Amino acid sequence: MRCFVAAWPDESTRIALAVLLSDYRPRVEHQRATRVDDLHLTLAFIGSLADDPALAVADAVAALSFKSFMWQPDQLGWFRQAGVVWIGSDAASPDAKPLLELAQSTRQVLESAGVDYDRRPLAPHVTLLHGVRHFESVRVAPINWRVDSIALWRSTGSRTGARYARVRP
């Protein structure tokens, strides 16, 4: 299964993201929106992981202790090669510091478990739209996202996009 460690938004954050998505989606041509229930913040992408190791990693991630914090994504941007419009924050912004520290702790847990992961530096973002050919970055009102839990998730592909499920509910 394809796995990743991520934070999922609470209901109020999900609603704020849905409002933003409904506002910007009509302005962008050639796109497919991420389902609101699937919006998430990836801290570490693992890729393929067999069932037994996935369960052990899920337990290790669940045991990771951290103090909850507020992340305030405030910019819409575009990953040109991936054709993705995202909401995120600058990795150098003060509110991104605890997020980067959590990503580092998460990656240390993966290393301790002997699990390989994508080692690119974290670019804090949530994917909103796919298949976008052009988009101009823009600042938006910050969305208040309390990051208070993370988990190991798996994704499976389908004709309508990826489907996500927690490895350990």
N, C-alpha and C. Protein backbone atom coordinates (compact mmCIF):
# COMPACT_ATOMS: atom_id res chain seq x y z
N MET A 1 0.84 -1.18 0.00
CA MET A 1 0.00 0.00 0.00
C MET A 1 0.88 1.25 0.00
N ARG A 2 0.40 2.32 -0.61
CA ARG A 2 1.13 3.61 -0.60
C ARG A 2 0.76 4.33 0.68
N CYS A 3 1.77 4.75 1.43
CA CYS A 3 1.53 5.34 2.75
C CYS A 3 2.18 6.71 2.90
N PHE A 4 1.63 7.47 3.81
CA PHE A 4 2.17 8.78 4.16
C PHE A 4 1.70 9.14 5.56
N VAL A 5 2.46 10.01 6.22
CA VAL A 5 2.07 10.52 7.54
C VAL A 5 1.51 11.92 7.32
N ALA A 6 0.33 12.16 7.91
CA ALA A 6 -0.34 13.44 7.66
C ALA A 6 -1.19 13.88 8.84
N ALA A 7 -1.49 15.17 8.84
CA ALA A 7 -2.48 15.76 9.75
C ALA A 7 -3.73 16.03 8.93
N TRP A 8 -4.88 15.71 9.51
CA TRP A 8 -6.16 15.98 8.87
C TRP A 8 -6.80 17.16 9.60
N PRO A 9 -7.47 18.04 8.88
CA PRO A 9 -8.07 19.21 9.54
C PRO A 9 -9.30 18.84 10.37
N ASP A 10 -9.56 19.63 11.41
CA ASP A 10 -10.80 19.46 12.16
C ASP A 10 -11.94 20.04 11.32
N GLU A 11 -13.15 19.92 11.83
CA GLU A 11 -14.33 20.32 11.06
C GLU A 11 -14.32 21.80 10.68
N SER A 12 -13.99 22.68 11.62
CA SER A 12 -14.02 24.11 11.29
C SER A 12 -12.95 24.47 10.26
N THR A 13 -11.80 23.84 10.34
CA THR A 13 -10.75 24.08 9.34
C THR A 13 -11.17 23.54 7.99
N ARG A 14 -11.79 22.36 7.99
CA ARG A 14 -12.25 21.77 6.73
C ARG A 14 -13.29 22.68 6.07
N ILE A 15 -14.17 23.26 6.88
CA ILE A 15 -15.18 24.18 6.33
C ILE A 15 -14.50 25.41 5.73
N ALA A 16 -13.52 25.97 6.44
CA ALA A 16 -12.80 27.15 5.91
C ALA A 16 -12.09 26.81 4.61
N LEU A 17 -11.49 25.62 4.54
CA LEU A 17 -10.84 25.20 3.30
C LEU A 17 -11.86 25.01 2.18
N ALA A 18 -13.03 24.46 2.51
CA ALA A 18 -14.08 24.25 1.51
C ALA A 18 -14.58 25.58 0.96
N VAL A 19 -14.72 26.58 1.82
CA VAL A 19 -15.16 27.91 1.37
C VAL A 19 -14.12 28.50 0.42
N LEU A 20 -12.85 28.40 0.80
CA LEU A 20 -11.77 28.91 -0.06
C LEU A 20 -11.77 28.18 -1.40
N LEU A 21 -11.92 26.87 -1.35
CA LEU A 21 -11.94 26.07 -2.57
C LEU A 21 -13.11 26.47 -3.47
N SER A 22 -14.28 26.67 -2.89
CA SER A 22 -15.45 27.05 -3.70
C SER A 22 -15.29 28.45 -4.29
N ASP A 23 -14.53 29.30 -3.62
CA ASP A 23 -14.29 30.65 -4.12
C ASP A 23 -13.31 30.64 -5.29
N TYR A 24 -12.25 29.85 -5.19
CA TYR A 24 -11.20 29.88 -6.22
C TYR A 24 -11.40 28.87 -7.35
N ARG A 25 -12.13 27.81 -7.11
CA ARG A 25 -12.28 26.78 -8.15
C ARG A 25 -12.84 27.35 -9.45
N PRO A 26 -13.89 28.18 -9.43
CA PRO A 26 -14.42 28.70 -10.70
C PRO A 26 -13.43 29.59 -11.46
N ARG A 27 -12.42 30.10 -10.79
CA ARG A 27 -11.45 31.00 -11.43
C ARG A 27 -10.34 30.25 -12.16
N VAL A 28 -10.30 28.93 -12.02
CA VAL A 28 -9.18 28.15 -12.57
C VAL A 28 -9.71 27.18 -13.62
N GLU A 29 -9.11 27.22 -14.81
CA GLU A 29 -9.51 26.31 -15.89
C GLU A 29 -8.81 24.97 -15.74
N HIS A 30 -9.40 23.94 -16.36
CA HIS A 30 -8.78 22.62 -16.48
C HIS A 30 -8.32 22.09 -15.13
N GLN A 31 -9.25 21.91 -14.23
CA GLN A 31 -8.85 21.44 -12.91
C GLN A 31 -9.84 20.42 -12.36
N ARG A 32 -9.36 19.70 -11.37
CA ARG A 32 -10.18 18.75 -10.61
C ARG A 32 -9.91 19.05 -9.13
N ALA A 33 -10.95 19.27 -8.38
CA ALA A 33 -10.79 19.64 -6.97
C ALA A 33 -10.55 18.40 -6.11
N THR A 34 -9.75 18.59 -5.08
CA THR A 34 -9.60 17.56 -4.05
C THR A 34 -10.90 17.52 -3.26
N ARG A 35 -11.39 16.32 -2.97
CA ARG A 35 -12.59 16.20 -2.15
C ARG A 35 -12.30 16.82 -0.78
N VAL A 36 -13.25 17.57 -0.26
CA VAL A 36 -13.05 18.29 1.00
C VAL A 36 -12.66 17.33 2.12
N ASP A 37 -13.25 16.16 2.18
CA ASP A 37 -12.92 15.20 3.23
C ASP A 37 -11.51 14.63 3.07
N ASP A 38 -10.89 14.84 1.92
CA ASP A 38 -9.55 14.31 1.66
C ASP A 38 -8.45 15.35 1.83
N LEU A 39 -8.80 16.58 2.13
CA LEU A 39 -7.79 17.63 2.32
C LEU A 39 -6.93 17.29 3.53
N HIS A 40 -5.62 17.34 3.36
CA HIS A 40 -4.70 16.97 4.44
C HIS A 40 -3.34 17.63 4.24
N LEU A 41 -2.55 17.59 5.28
CA LEU A 41 -1.20 18.15 5.29
C LEU A 41 -0.21 17.00 5.47
N THR A 42 0.51 16.66 4.41
CA THR A 42 1.48 15.55 4.48
C THR A 42 2.77 16.02 5.15
N LEU A 43 3.21 15.23 6.13
CA LEU A 43 4.47 15.50 6.83
C LEU A 43 5.60 14.64 6.30
N ALA A 44 5.26 13.45 5.82
CA ALA A 44 6.28 12.55 5.25
C ALA A 44 5.59 11.60 4.30
N PHE A 45 6.10 11.51 3.08
CA PHE A 45 5.58 10.56 2.10
C PHE A 45 6.48 9.34 2.10
N ILE A 46 5.88 8.18 2.27
CA ILE A 46 6.64 6.93 2.37
C ILE A 46 6.63 6.16 1.06
N GLY A 47 5.48 6.08 0.44
CA GLY A 47 5.36 5.24 -0.74
C GLY A 47 4.90 3.86 -0.34
N SER A 48 5.38 2.86 -1.05
CA SER A 48 4.92 1.49 -0.83
C SER A 48 5.41 0.94 0.50
N LEU A 49 4.49 0.33 1.24
CA LEU A 49 4.80 -0.26 2.54
C LEU A 49 3.88 -1.46 2.74
N ALA A 50 4.46 -2.61 3.07
CA ALA A 50 3.67 -3.82 3.29
C ALA A 50 2.82 -3.68 4.56
N ASP A 51 1.81 -4.55 4.69
CA ASP A 51 0.86 -4.45 5.80
C ASP A 51 1.50 -4.50 7.18
N ASP A 52 2.33 -5.51 7.44
CA ASP A 52 2.91 -5.65 8.79
C ASP A 52 3.78 -4.47 9.19
N PRO A 53 4.72 -4.05 8.34
CA PRO A 53 5.48 -2.86 8.72
C PRO A 53 4.59 -1.62 8.85
N ALA A 54 3.56 -1.52 8.05
CA ALA A 54 2.66 -0.36 8.12
C ALA A 54 2.00 -0.28 9.49
N LEU A 55 1.58 -1.41 10.02
CA LEU A 55 0.95 -1.40 11.34
C LEU A 55 1.94 -0.96 12.42
N ALA A 56 3.17 -1.44 12.33
CA ALA A 56 4.20 -1.04 13.30
C ALA A 56 4.50 0.45 13.18
N VAL A 57 4.59 0.96 11.97
CA VAL A 57 4.85 2.39 11.76
C VAL A 57 3.67 3.22 12.27
N ALA A 58 2.45 2.75 12.02
CA ALA A 58 1.26 3.47 12.51
C ALA A 58 1.31 3.60 14.02
N ASP A 59 1.71 2.53 14.71
CA ASP A 59 1.81 2.57 16.17
C ASP A 59 2.91 3.54 16.61
N ALA A 60 4.04 3.53 15.93
CA ALA A 60 5.16 4.42 16.28
C ALA A 60 4.77 5.88 16.06
N VAL A 61 4.08 6.17 14.98
CA VAL A 61 3.64 7.54 14.70
C VAL A 61 2.61 7.97 15.75
N ALA A 62 1.69 7.07 16.10
CA ALA A 62 0.68 7.40 17.10
C ALA A 62 1.31 7.69 18.46
N ALA A 63 2.44 7.08 18.74
CA ALA A 63 3.12 7.28 20.03
C ALA A 63 3.95 8.56 20.07
N LEU A 64 4.11 9.20 18.93
CA LEU A 64 4.90 10.44 18.87
C LEU A 64 4.18 11.54 19.65
N SER A 65 4.86 12.10 20.61
CA SER A 65 4.26 13.12 21.46
C SER A 65 4.69 14.51 20.98
N PHE A 66 3.72 15.40 20.86
CA PHE A 66 4.02 16.79 20.52
C PHE A 66 2.91 17.68 21.07
N LYS A 67 3.27 18.93 21.30
CA LYS A 67 2.30 19.91 21.78
C LYS A 67 1.54 20.45 20.58
N SER A 68 0.21 20.49 20.68
CA SER A 68 -0.58 21.01 19.56
C SER A 68 -0.18 22.46 19.28
N PHE A 69 -0.37 22.87 18.05
CA PHE A 69 0.01 24.21 17.64
C PHE A 69 -0.91 24.69 16.53
N MET A 70 -0.87 25.99 16.29
CA MET A 70 -1.68 26.59 15.24
C MET A 70 -0.82 26.81 14.01
N TRP A 71 -1.30 26.32 12.88
CA TRP A 71 -0.67 26.60 11.59
C TRP A 71 -1.64 27.48 10.82
N GLN A 72 -1.13 28.52 10.17
CA GLN A 72 -2.00 29.47 9.47
C GLN A 72 -1.58 29.63 8.01
N PRO A 73 -1.99 28.68 7.17
CA PRO A 73 -1.68 28.84 5.75
C PRO A 73 -2.37 30.09 5.21
N ASP A 74 -1.60 30.86 4.42
CA ASP A 74 -2.13 32.15 3.97
C ASP A 74 -1.75 32.49 2.53
N GLN A 75 -1.35 31.50 1.77
CA GLN A 75 -1.04 31.78 0.37
C GLN A 75 -1.47 30.61 -0.51
N LEU A 76 -1.98 30.98 -1.66
CA LEU A 76 -2.30 29.99 -2.69
C LEU A 76 -1.14 30.01 -3.67
N GLY A 77 -0.69 28.84 -4.02
CA GLY A 77 0.43 28.73 -4.95
C GLY A 77 0.20 27.60 -5.94
N TRP A 78 1.15 27.42 -6.82
CA TRP A 78 1.03 26.46 -7.91
C TRP A 78 2.33 25.70 -8.07
N PHE A 79 2.25 24.38 -8.01
CA PHE A 79 3.38 23.53 -8.38
C PHE A 79 3.21 23.24 -9.86
N ARG A 80 3.97 23.91 -10.68
CA ARG A 80 3.79 23.85 -12.13
C ARG A 80 3.90 22.43 -12.68
N GLN A 81 4.99 21.72 -12.33
CA GLN A 81 5.19 20.38 -12.90
C GLN A 81 4.08 19.42 -12.51
N ALA A 82 3.61 19.52 -11.27
CA ALA A 82 2.54 18.63 -10.81
C ALA A 82 1.16 19.12 -11.23
N GLY A 83 1.06 20.38 -11.65
CA GLY A 83 -0.23 20.94 -12.04
C GLY A 83 -1.18 21.09 -10.85
N VAL A 84 -0.62 21.44 -9.70
CA VAL A 84 -1.38 21.46 -8.45
C VAL A 84 -1.44 22.88 -7.88
N VAL A 85 -2.65 23.30 -7.52
CA VAL A 85 -2.83 24.53 -6.75
C VAL A 85 -2.97 24.13 -5.29
N TRP A 86 -2.28 24.85 -4.43
CA TRP A 86 -2.24 24.50 -3.02
C TRP A 86 -2.43 25.74 -2.15
N ILE A 87 -2.80 25.50 -0.90
CA ILE A 87 -2.74 26.54 0.12
C ILE A 87 -1.65 26.12 1.09
N GLY A 88 -0.84 27.09 1.48
CA GLY A 88 0.26 26.77 2.38
C GLY A 88 0.83 28.00 3.01
N SER A 89 2.01 27.81 3.56
CA SER A 89 2.72 28.93 4.17
C SER A 89 4.19 28.81 3.82
N ASP A 90 4.86 29.90 3.93
CA ASP A 90 6.30 29.92 3.70
C ASP A 90 6.97 29.13 4.81
N ALA A 91 7.88 28.24 4.46
CA ALA A 91 8.57 27.44 5.47
C ALA A 91 9.36 28.31 6.44
N ALA A 92 9.67 29.55 6.05
CA ALA A 92 10.42 30.45 6.93
C ALA A 92 9.51 31.26 7.86
N SER A 93 8.20 31.15 7.70
CA SER A 93 7.30 31.93 8.55
C SER A 93 7.30 31.36 9.97
N PRO A 94 7.09 32.21 10.98
CA PRO A 94 7.15 31.75 12.37
C PRO A 94 6.16 30.63 12.68
N ASP A 95 4.95 30.67 12.10
CA ASP A 95 3.98 29.63 12.42
C ASP A 95 4.34 28.28 11.79
N ALA A 96 5.27 28.28 10.84
CA ALA A 96 5.68 27.02 10.22
C ALA A 96 6.73 26.29 11.06
N LYS A 97 7.36 26.98 12.00
CA LYS A 97 8.43 26.36 12.79
C LYS A 97 7.97 25.09 13.51
N PRO A 98 6.86 25.12 14.28
CA PRO A 98 6.46 23.87 14.94
C PRO A 98 6.07 22.78 13.94
N LEU A 99 5.57 23.19 12.79
CA LEU A 99 5.22 22.22 11.74
C LEU A 99 6.48 21.54 11.21
N LEU A 100 7.51 22.31 10.96
CA LEU A 100 8.77 21.75 10.48
C LEU A 100 9.40 20.85 11.54
N GLU A 101 9.29 21.24 12.81
CA GLU A 101 9.81 20.41 13.89
C GLU A 101 9.04 19.09 13.98
N LEU A 102 7.72 19.14 13.81
CA LEU A 102 6.92 17.92 13.83
C LEU A 102 7.28 17.02 12.66
N ALA A 103 7.48 17.61 11.49
CA ALA A 103 7.90 16.81 10.33
C ALA A 103 9.24 16.14 10.60
N GLN A 104 10.16 16.87 11.21
CA GLN A 104 11.47 16.30 11.53
C GLN A 104 11.33 15.15 12.53
N SER A 105 10.52 15.33 13.56
CA SER A 105 10.29 14.25 14.54
C SER A 105 9.65 13.04 13.88
N THR A 106 8.71 13.29 12.99
CA THR A 106 8.05 12.21 12.26
C THR A 106 9.07 11.44 11.44
N ARG A 107 9.93 12.14 10.76
CA ARG A 107 10.94 11.50 9.92
C ARG A 107 11.95 10.73 10.76
N GLN A 108 12.25 11.20 11.97
CA GLN A 108 13.13 10.46 12.86
C GLN A 108 12.48 9.15 13.29
N VAL A 109 11.17 9.18 13.53
CA VAL A 109 10.43 7.95 13.87
C VAL A 109 10.54 6.96 12.71
N LEU A 110 10.37 7.45 11.49
CA LEU A 110 10.45 6.57 10.31
C LEU A 110 11.86 5.99 10.18
N GLU A 111 12.87 6.82 10.37
CA GLU A 111 14.25 6.34 10.28
C GLU A 111 14.52 5.27 11.34
N SER A 112 14.04 5.49 12.56
CA SER A 112 14.23 4.52 13.64
C SER A 112 13.55 3.19 13.32
N ALA A 113 12.46 3.27 12.56
CA ALA A 113 11.75 2.05 12.17
C ALA A 113 12.34 1.43 10.91
N GLY A 114 13.36 2.07 10.34
CA GLY A 114 13.99 1.55 9.13
C GLY A 114 13.14 1.73 7.88
N VAL A 115 12.28 2.73 7.90
CA VAL A 115 11.37 2.98 6.78
C VAL A 115 11.92 4.11 5.92
N ASP A 116 12.01 3.86 4.63
CA ASP A 116 12.47 4.88 3.69
C ASP A 116 11.32 5.84 3.40
N TYR A 117 11.64 7.08 3.15
CA TYR A 117 10.62 8.09 2.86
C TYR A 117 11.23 9.14 1.93
N ASP A 118 10.37 9.96 1.37
CA ASP A 118 10.82 11.05 0.50
C ASP A 118 11.53 12.08 1.37
N ARG A 119 12.80 12.30 1.10
CA ARG A 119 13.63 13.15 1.96
C ARG A 119 13.67 14.62 1.52
N ARG A 120 12.88 14.97 0.54
CA ARG A 120 12.85 16.39 0.17
C ARG A 120 12.37 17.23 1.35
N PRO A 121 12.87 18.46 1.46
CA PRO A 121 12.42 19.33 2.56
C PRO A 121 10.91 19.55 2.47
N LEU A 122 10.30 19.68 3.63
CA LEU A 122 8.86 19.91 3.68
C LEU A 122 8.51 21.28 3.11
N ALA A 123 7.56 21.31 2.19
CA ALA A 123 6.97 22.55 1.69
C ALA A 123 5.53 22.54 2.23
N PRO A 124 5.27 23.20 3.35
CA PRO A 124 3.97 23.08 4.01
C PRO A 124 2.82 23.53 3.12
N HIS A 125 1.99 22.56 2.72
CA HIS A 125 0.88 22.89 1.82
C HIS A 125 -0.21 21.82 1.89
N VAL A 126 -1.38 22.20 1.40
CA VAL A 126 -2.52 21.31 1.24
C VAL A 126 -2.95 21.43 -0.21
N THR A 127 -3.02 20.31 -0.92
CA THR A 127 -3.41 20.33 -2.33
C THR A 127 -4.91 20.59 -2.44
N LEU A 128 -5.27 21.61 -3.22
CA LEU A 128 -6.67 21.96 -3.44
C LEU A 128 -7.18 21.53 -4.81
N LEU A 129 -6.38 21.78 -5.86
CA LEU A 129 -6.79 21.51 -7.23
C LEU A 129 -5.70 20.76 -7.97
N HIS A 130 -6.11 19.85 -8.85
CA HIS A 130 -5.20 19.07 -9.70
C HIS A 130 -5.44 19.43 -11.16
N GLY A 131 -4.44 19.17 -12.00
CA GLY A 131 -4.61 19.35 -13.44
C GLY A 131 -4.62 20.80 -13.88
N VAL A 132 -4.03 21.66 -13.09
CA VAL A 132 -4.05 23.10 -13.38
C VAL A 132 -2.86 23.46 -14.28
N ARG A 133 -3.15 24.16 -15.37
CA ARG A 133 -2.10 24.52 -16.33
C ARG A 133 -1.46 25.86 -16.04
N HIS A 134 -2.17 26.72 -15.32
CA HIS A 134 -1.60 28.03 -14.97
C HIS A 134 -2.33 28.58 -13.76
N PHE A 135 -1.56 29.21 -12.88
CA PHE A 135 -2.15 29.85 -11.71
C PHE A 135 -1.16 30.88 -11.17
N GLU A 136 -1.64 32.05 -10.85
CA GLU A 136 -0.81 33.10 -10.24
C GLU A 136 -0.97 33.02 -8.72
N SER A 137 0.14 32.94 -8.03
CA SER A 137 0.11 32.87 -6.57
C SER A 137 -0.56 34.11 -5.99
N VAL A 138 -1.24 33.93 -4.87
CA VAL A 138 -1.96 35.03 -4.25
C VAL A 138 -2.02 34.80 -2.73
N ARG A 139 -1.95 35.89 -1.99
CA ARG A 139 -2.14 35.82 -0.53
C ARG A 139 -3.64 35.77 -0.25
N VAL A 140 -4.00 35.02 0.78
CA VAL A 140 -5.39 34.91 1.20
C VAL A 140 -5.45 35.12 2.71
N ALA A 141 -6.65 35.31 3.22
CA ALA A 141 -6.81 35.42 4.67
C ALA A 141 -6.33 34.11 5.30
N PRO A 142 -5.57 34.20 6.38
CA PRO A 142 -5.06 32.98 7.00
C PRO A 142 -6.19 32.06 7.48
N ILE A 143 -5.97 30.79 7.33
CA ILE A 143 -6.88 29.78 7.86
C ILE A 143 -6.25 29.24 9.13
N ASN A 144 -7.02 29.20 10.20
CA ASN A 144 -6.51 28.72 11.49
C ASN A 144 -6.68 27.21 11.58
N TRP A 145 -5.59 26.50 11.55
CA TRP A 145 -5.60 25.04 11.60
C TRP A 145 -4.84 24.60 12.85
N ARG A 146 -5.55 24.04 13.81
CA ARG A 146 -4.90 23.50 15.00
C ARG A 146 -4.42 22.09 14.67
N VAL A 147 -3.12 21.92 14.67
CA VAL A 147 -2.52 20.60 14.42
C VAL A 147 -2.36 19.95 15.79
N ASP A 148 -3.18 18.92 16.04
CA ASP A 148 -3.12 18.26 17.34
C ASP A 148 -2.98 16.75 17.26
N SER A 149 -2.99 16.22 16.04
CA SER A 149 -2.76 14.78 15.88
C SER A 149 -2.27 14.50 14.46
N ILE A 150 -1.54 13.42 14.36
CA ILE A 150 -1.08 12.94 13.05
C ILE A 150 -1.28 11.43 13.03
N ALA A 151 -1.26 10.87 11.84
CA ALA A 151 -1.44 9.43 11.71
C ALA A 151 -0.82 8.95 10.41
N LEU A 152 -0.63 7.65 10.33
CA LEU A 152 -0.21 7.02 9.08
C LEU A 152 -1.45 6.74 8.26
N TRP A 153 -1.42 7.14 7.01
CA TRP A 153 -2.54 6.97 6.09
C TRP A 153 -2.08 6.15 4.89
N ARG A 154 -3.02 5.52 4.23
CA ARG A 154 -2.73 4.80 2.99
C ARG A 154 -3.61 5.39 1.90
N SER A 155 -3.11 5.32 0.69
CA SER A 155 -3.91 5.80 -0.44
C SER A 155 -4.03 4.69 -1.47
N THR A 156 -5.17 4.66 -2.09
CA THR A 156 -5.40 3.75 -3.21
C THR A 156 -5.96 4.58 -4.35
N GLY A 157 -5.50 4.30 -5.54
CA GLY A 157 -5.95 5.04 -6.71
C GLY A 157 -7.28 4.54 -7.22
N SER A 158 -8.03 5.44 -7.82
CA SER A 158 -9.28 5.09 -8.49
C SER A 158 -9.46 6.04 -9.67
N ARG A 159 -10.45 5.78 -10.49
CA ARG A 159 -10.68 6.66 -11.65
C ARG A 159 -11.09 8.06 -11.23
N THR A 160 -11.64 8.19 -10.02
CA THR A 160 -12.08 9.50 -9.55
C THR A 160 -11.07 10.17 -8.62
N GLY A 161 -9.88 9.61 -8.53
CA GLY A 161 -8.84 10.19 -7.67
C GLY A 161 -8.49 9.25 -6.54
N ALA A 162 -7.52 9.64 -5.76
CA ALA A 162 -7.05 8.80 -4.66
C ALA A 162 -8.10 8.71 -3.56
N ARG A 163 -8.10 7.57 -2.88
CA ARG A 163 -8.93 7.36 -1.70
C ARG A 163 -7.99 7.15 -0.52
N TYR A 164 -8.33 7.74 0.61
CA TYR A 164 -7.45 7.68 1.77
C TYR A 164 -8.14 6.98 2.94
N ALA A 165 -7.33 6.27 3.73
CA ALA A 165 -7.83 5.63 4.94
C ALA A 165 -6.70 5.55 5.96
N ARG A 166 -7.05 5.74 7.22
CA ARG A 166 -6.04 5.59 8.27
C ARG A 166 -5.63 4.13 8.34
N VAL A 167 -4.35 3.90 8.55
CA VAL A 167 -3.87 2.52 8.68
C VAL A 167 -4.37 1.91 9.97
N ARG A 168 -4.37 2.66 11.04
CA ARG A 168 -4.95 2.21 12.32
C ARG A 168 -6.03 3.22 12.71
N PRO A 169 -7.30 2.82 12.59
CA PRO A 169 -8.39 3.75 12.94
C PRO A 169 -8.37 4.17 14.40
